[in-house]
N, C-alpha and C. Protein backbone atom coordinates (compact mmCIF):
# COMPACT_ATOMS: atom_id res chain seq x y z
N MET A 1 107.20 63.95 109.01
CA MET A 1 107.24 65.13 108.14
C MET A 1 108.45 65.12 107.34
N PHE A 2 108.22 65.39 106.00
CA PHE A 2 109.37 65.41 105.05
C PHE A 2 110.05 66.83 105.06
N ASP A 3 111.35 66.76 104.68
CA ASP A 3 112.20 67.98 104.74
C ASP A 3 111.53 69.13 104.07
N PHE A 4 111.00 68.92 102.88
CA PHE A 4 110.45 70.02 102.07
C PHE A 4 109.23 70.64 102.80
N GLU A 5 108.50 69.79 103.54
CA GLU A 5 107.31 70.41 104.19
C GLU A 5 107.66 71.45 105.29
N LYS A 6 108.91 71.36 105.75
CA LYS A 6 109.35 72.32 106.77
C LYS A 6 109.82 73.64 106.25
N LEU A 7 109.91 73.73 104.95
CA LEU A 7 110.39 75.02 104.30
C LEU A 7 109.25 76.05 104.25
N ASP A 8 109.68 77.28 104.50
CA ASP A 8 108.71 78.39 104.39
C ASP A 8 108.28 78.60 102.92
N VAL A 9 109.09 78.37 101.94
CA VAL A 9 108.81 78.48 100.48
C VAL A 9 107.80 77.42 100.20
N TYR A 10 107.80 76.29 100.78
CA TYR A 10 106.85 75.24 100.45
C TYR A 10 105.42 75.66 100.85
N GLN A 11 105.39 76.29 102.03
CA GLN A 11 104.12 76.77 102.54
C GLN A 11 103.54 77.91 101.64
N VAL A 12 104.30 78.70 101.21
CA VAL A 12 103.90 79.78 100.22
C VAL A 12 103.40 79.15 98.90
N ILE A 13 104.15 78.17 98.38
CA ILE A 13 103.79 77.54 97.19
C ILE A 13 102.47 76.85 97.33
N LYS A 14 102.33 76.12 98.46
CA LYS A 14 101.14 75.36 98.70
C LYS A 14 99.83 76.19 98.60
N VAL A 15 99.97 77.38 99.31
CA VAL A 15 98.85 78.32 99.30
C VAL A 15 98.60 78.92 97.92
N ASN A 16 99.65 79.22 97.23
CA ASN A 16 99.51 79.71 95.89
C ASN A 16 98.86 78.67 94.89
N ASN A 17 99.37 77.49 95.07
CA ASN A 17 98.91 76.39 94.13
C ASN A 17 97.40 76.19 94.43
N THR A 18 96.98 76.26 95.62
CA THR A 18 95.55 75.99 95.96
C THR A 18 94.69 77.08 95.24
N LYS A 19 95.09 78.31 95.50
CA LYS A 19 94.43 79.47 94.91
C LYS A 19 94.34 79.44 93.37
N VAL A 20 95.54 79.26 92.80
CA VAL A 20 95.63 79.24 91.28
C VAL A 20 94.70 78.09 90.82
N LEU A 21 94.94 76.84 91.31
CA LEU A 21 94.16 75.62 90.77
C LEU A 21 92.69 75.96 91.00
N LYS A 22 92.27 76.47 92.06
CA LYS A 22 90.86 76.73 92.24
C LYS A 22 90.38 77.71 91.10
N PHE A 23 91.14 78.64 90.82
CA PHE A 23 90.79 79.69 89.74
C PHE A 23 90.66 78.89 88.40
N VAL A 24 91.73 78.18 88.11
CA VAL A 24 91.71 77.45 86.80
C VAL A 24 90.54 76.43 86.71
N PHE A 25 90.24 75.65 87.79
CA PHE A 25 89.14 74.72 87.73
C PHE A 25 87.79 75.37 87.59
N SER A 26 87.65 76.63 88.09
CA SER A 26 86.34 77.27 88.16
C SER A 26 86.12 78.20 86.93
N HIS A 27 86.97 78.17 86.01
CA HIS A 27 86.86 78.96 84.78
C HIS A 27 86.76 78.09 83.58
N PRO A 28 85.64 77.54 83.26
CA PRO A 28 85.51 76.77 82.08
C PRO A 28 85.71 77.36 80.73
N THR A 29 85.69 78.78 80.75
CA THR A 29 85.85 79.53 79.50
C THR A 29 87.36 79.64 79.13
N LEU A 30 88.25 79.41 80.13
CA LEU A 30 89.71 79.43 79.70
C LEU A 30 90.02 78.31 78.79
N ASP A 31 90.82 78.68 77.84
CA ASP A 31 91.27 77.75 76.81
C ASP A 31 91.89 76.53 77.45
N ILE A 32 91.52 75.33 76.96
CA ILE A 32 92.08 74.08 77.49
C ILE A 32 93.54 73.95 77.59
N TYR A 33 94.28 74.53 76.57
CA TYR A 33 95.71 74.49 76.49
C TYR A 33 96.35 75.42 77.56
N ILE A 34 95.71 76.60 77.81
CA ILE A 34 96.12 77.52 78.78
C ILE A 34 95.95 76.86 80.19
N LYS A 35 94.81 76.31 80.40
CA LYS A 35 94.51 75.63 81.70
C LYS A 35 95.48 74.49 82.03
N ASP A 36 95.82 73.77 80.95
CA ASP A 36 96.73 72.59 81.17
C ASP A 36 98.12 73.08 81.37
N GLN A 37 98.60 73.96 80.73
CA GLN A 37 100.02 74.51 80.87
C GLN A 37 100.14 75.21 82.24
N TRP A 38 99.15 75.99 82.66
CA TRP A 38 99.14 76.68 84.00
C TRP A 38 99.25 75.61 85.06
N LYS A 39 98.34 74.61 84.98
CA LYS A 39 98.34 73.53 86.03
C LYS A 39 99.68 72.82 85.97
N ARG A 40 100.23 72.48 84.89
CA ARG A 40 101.55 71.89 84.82
C ARG A 40 102.66 72.73 85.41
N ALA A 41 102.65 73.94 85.03
CA ALA A 41 103.71 74.94 85.59
C ALA A 41 103.57 75.05 87.12
N ASN A 42 102.33 75.23 87.54
CA ASN A 42 102.23 75.38 89.08
C ASN A 42 102.62 74.06 89.79
N LEU A 43 102.22 72.93 89.24
CA LEU A 43 102.65 71.57 89.96
C LEU A 43 104.01 71.47 89.87
N SER A 44 104.72 71.87 88.74
CA SER A 44 106.09 71.67 88.54
C SER A 44 106.92 72.43 89.60
N ILE A 45 106.42 73.53 90.06
CA ILE A 45 107.11 74.34 91.02
C ILE A 45 107.23 73.52 92.32
N VAL A 46 106.13 72.99 92.84
CA VAL A 46 106.16 72.26 94.05
C VAL A 46 106.80 70.94 93.94
N LEU A 47 106.64 70.23 92.86
CA LEU A 47 107.19 68.95 92.58
C LEU A 47 108.77 69.00 92.50
N ASN A 48 109.28 69.96 91.80
CA ASN A 48 110.74 70.12 91.67
C ASN A 48 111.35 70.58 93.06
N LEU A 49 110.65 71.41 93.81
CA LEU A 49 111.12 71.69 95.19
C LEU A 49 111.19 70.51 96.04
N ALA A 50 110.16 69.68 95.98
CA ALA A 50 110.13 68.48 96.79
C ALA A 50 111.28 67.59 96.34
N GLU A 51 111.38 67.26 95.03
CA GLU A 51 112.39 66.34 94.55
C GLU A 51 113.74 66.87 94.84
N GLY A 52 114.02 68.18 94.67
CA GLY A 52 115.28 68.74 94.91
C GLY A 52 115.72 68.64 96.39
N THR A 53 114.79 68.84 97.23
CA THR A 53 115.09 68.79 98.60
C THR A 53 115.49 67.42 99.06
N GLY A 54 115.01 66.45 98.33
CA GLY A 54 115.35 65.03 98.62
C GLY A 54 116.70 64.58 98.06
N ARG A 55 117.26 65.40 97.23
CA ARG A 55 118.44 64.99 96.62
C ARG A 55 119.71 65.13 97.63
N MET A 56 120.80 64.43 97.34
CA MET A 56 121.91 64.33 98.32
C MET A 56 122.97 65.35 98.06
N THR A 57 123.16 65.74 96.80
CA THR A 57 124.29 66.69 96.55
C THR A 57 123.75 68.12 96.31
N ASN A 58 124.59 69.02 96.62
CA ASN A 58 124.18 70.49 96.35
C ASN A 58 123.93 70.72 94.97
N ALA A 59 124.67 70.12 94.06
CA ALA A 59 124.52 70.30 92.58
C ALA A 59 123.12 69.82 92.19
N ASP A 60 122.69 68.61 92.72
CA ASP A 60 121.37 68.09 92.39
C ASP A 60 120.30 68.97 92.89
N LYS A 61 120.43 69.49 94.15
CA LYS A 61 119.43 70.26 94.80
C LYS A 61 119.33 71.57 94.00
N LYS A 62 120.39 72.16 93.66
CA LYS A 62 120.35 73.37 92.80
C LYS A 62 119.70 73.23 91.50
N HIS A 63 119.94 72.06 90.90
CA HIS A 63 119.37 71.79 89.56
C HIS A 63 117.86 71.80 89.67
N PHE A 64 117.26 71.12 90.65
CA PHE A 64 115.84 70.99 90.71
C PHE A 64 115.24 72.25 91.20
N LEU A 65 115.90 73.08 91.97
CA LEU A 65 115.41 74.37 92.43
C LEU A 65 115.32 75.31 91.27
N THR A 66 116.33 75.25 90.38
CA THR A 66 116.34 76.03 89.16
C THR A 66 115.15 75.72 88.23
N ILE A 67 114.96 74.40 88.13
CA ILE A 67 113.80 74.12 87.34
C ILE A 67 112.52 74.69 87.90
N ALA A 68 112.41 74.60 89.29
CA ALA A 68 111.18 74.98 89.91
C ALA A 68 111.07 76.50 89.68
N ARG A 69 112.06 77.28 89.75
CA ARG A 69 112.17 78.71 89.46
C ARG A 69 111.77 79.02 87.98
N GLY A 70 112.24 78.15 87.09
CA GLY A 70 111.77 78.35 85.69
C GLY A 70 110.25 78.17 85.55
N SER A 71 109.75 77.22 86.31
CA SER A 71 108.30 77.02 86.18
C SER A 71 107.51 78.16 86.74
N VAL A 72 108.12 78.92 87.75
CA VAL A 72 107.52 80.09 88.23
C VAL A 72 107.37 81.13 87.17
N PHE A 73 108.50 81.25 86.44
CA PHE A 73 108.55 82.22 85.22
C PHE A 73 107.50 81.89 84.27
N GLU A 74 107.34 80.52 83.98
CA GLU A 74 106.35 80.08 82.97
C GLU A 74 104.98 80.38 83.36
N ALA A 75 104.70 80.19 84.73
CA ALA A 75 103.33 80.47 85.30
C ALA A 75 103.06 81.95 85.19
N VAL A 76 104.00 82.81 85.46
CA VAL A 76 103.87 84.27 85.34
C VAL A 76 103.59 84.64 83.92
N ALA A 77 104.17 84.06 82.97
CA ALA A 77 103.89 84.37 81.51
C ALA A 77 102.48 83.95 81.23
N ILE A 78 101.99 82.82 81.69
CA ILE A 78 100.58 82.42 81.45
C ILE A 78 99.68 83.31 82.12
N LEU A 79 99.96 83.73 83.38
CA LEU A 79 99.11 84.65 84.15
C LEU A 79 98.97 85.98 83.39
N GLU A 80 100.01 86.54 82.93
CA GLU A 80 99.98 87.73 82.15
C GLU A 80 99.22 87.61 80.81
N THR A 81 99.26 86.42 80.19
CA THR A 81 98.45 86.24 78.96
C THR A 81 96.95 86.18 79.38
N VAL A 82 96.68 85.49 80.44
CA VAL A 82 95.25 85.52 80.94
C VAL A 82 94.74 86.92 81.21
N LYS A 83 95.58 87.74 81.80
CA LYS A 83 95.22 89.16 82.10
C LYS A 83 94.97 89.89 80.81
N GLU A 84 95.83 89.69 79.91
CA GLU A 84 95.67 90.39 78.55
C GLU A 84 94.45 90.04 77.80
N LEU A 85 94.05 88.83 78.07
CA LEU A 85 92.79 88.27 77.46
C LEU A 85 91.49 88.74 78.22
N GLY A 86 91.75 89.39 79.30
CA GLY A 86 90.71 90.02 80.12
C GLY A 86 89.96 88.95 80.89
N MET A 87 90.68 87.83 81.30
CA MET A 87 89.94 86.63 81.91
C MET A 87 90.24 86.55 83.36
N ILE A 88 90.90 87.60 84.01
CA ILE A 88 91.11 87.65 85.43
C ILE A 88 91.02 89.03 85.92
N GLU A 89 90.48 89.14 87.12
CA GLU A 89 90.40 90.57 87.66
C GLU A 89 91.67 91.05 88.19
N GLU A 90 91.85 92.40 88.13
CA GLU A 90 93.24 92.92 88.51
C GLU A 90 93.63 92.59 89.92
N ILE A 91 92.63 92.53 90.82
CA ILE A 91 93.00 92.29 92.17
C ILE A 91 93.59 90.87 92.34
N LEU A 92 92.94 89.89 91.68
CA LEU A 92 93.38 88.51 91.74
C LEU A 92 94.68 88.32 90.97
N PHE A 93 94.87 89.06 89.79
CA PHE A 93 96.05 89.00 89.12
C PHE A 93 97.19 89.48 89.93
N SER A 94 97.08 90.54 90.66
CA SER A 94 98.09 91.15 91.57
C SER A 94 98.42 90.19 92.68
N GLU A 95 97.45 89.55 93.28
CA GLU A 95 97.66 88.53 94.28
C GLU A 95 98.55 87.36 93.79
N PHE A 96 98.17 86.86 92.64
CA PHE A 96 98.92 85.69 92.04
C PHE A 96 100.30 86.18 91.73
N TYR A 97 100.47 87.31 91.05
CA TYR A 97 101.73 87.84 90.64
C TYR A 97 102.73 87.98 91.84
N GLU A 98 102.20 88.60 92.81
CA GLU A 98 103.08 88.96 94.10
C GLU A 98 103.46 87.59 94.77
N SER A 99 102.60 86.65 94.68
CA SER A 99 102.93 85.38 95.27
C SER A 99 103.99 84.68 94.44
N TYR A 100 103.93 84.71 93.16
CA TYR A 100 104.98 84.16 92.27
C TYR A 100 106.26 84.86 92.51
N GLU A 101 106.19 86.05 92.60
CA GLU A 101 107.37 86.95 92.86
C GLU A 101 108.10 86.56 94.18
N GLN A 102 107.32 86.41 95.20
CA GLN A 102 107.78 85.89 96.56
C GLN A 102 108.47 84.60 96.43
N ILE A 103 107.83 83.63 95.74
CA ILE A 103 108.25 82.30 95.50
C ILE A 103 109.57 82.35 94.75
N SER A 104 109.70 83.17 93.67
CA SER A 104 110.92 83.22 92.86
C SER A 104 112.09 83.73 93.68
N LYS A 105 111.80 84.71 94.52
CA LYS A 105 112.90 85.22 95.39
C LYS A 105 113.37 84.23 96.37
N MET A 106 112.41 83.46 96.99
CA MET A 106 112.78 82.54 97.96
C MET A 106 113.56 81.38 97.36
N LEU A 107 113.18 80.93 96.10
CA LEU A 107 113.91 79.92 95.47
C LEU A 107 115.27 80.39 95.04
N LEU A 108 115.41 81.63 94.64
CA LEU A 108 116.69 82.16 94.23
C LEU A 108 117.64 82.12 95.52
N GLY A 109 117.07 82.49 96.61
CA GLY A 109 117.96 82.56 97.86
C GLY A 109 118.43 81.09 98.09
N MET A 110 117.55 80.08 97.93
CA MET A 110 117.97 78.71 98.15
C MET A 110 118.97 78.28 97.12
N ILE A 111 118.79 78.63 95.86
CA ILE A 111 119.69 78.30 94.81
C ILE A 111 121.16 78.83 95.14
N ARG A 112 121.13 80.17 95.47
CA ARG A 112 122.46 80.78 95.82
C ARG A 112 123.11 80.10 97.04
N SER A 113 122.32 79.59 97.99
CA SER A 113 122.92 78.93 99.09
C SER A 113 123.66 77.57 98.71
N TYR A 114 123.25 77.02 97.64
CA TYR A 114 123.85 75.78 97.14
C TYR A 114 125.04 76.09 96.17
N SER A 115 125.32 77.37 95.89
CA SER A 115 126.41 77.58 94.96
C SER A 115 127.70 77.54 95.67
N SER A 116 128.69 77.22 94.92
CA SER A 116 130.13 77.09 95.49
C SER A 116 130.69 78.32 96.01
């Protein structure tokens, strides 16, 4: 098992990614650009967490976690756009939003733990 797989935040991200990607793949009416950016942002969260966890210095770890958190913000902005376009139900919007918020807080805690 890899170190990042042991993290609680990884488990939360994995569940969120599965739900979001299933939503994106099952909605052919979503604009292709929105779909692509949302997929990229979601994958960036987990990929930067994994890469950062594998780095050796605290500065490197913090850098990749900061990028992962930025991708959370990007995904939330896309989610809100999709909501404003009326392309997602309120219940699902809230579920995704709350998950992103939890991920953001968890990543922030990790980032702060690597600060001097």
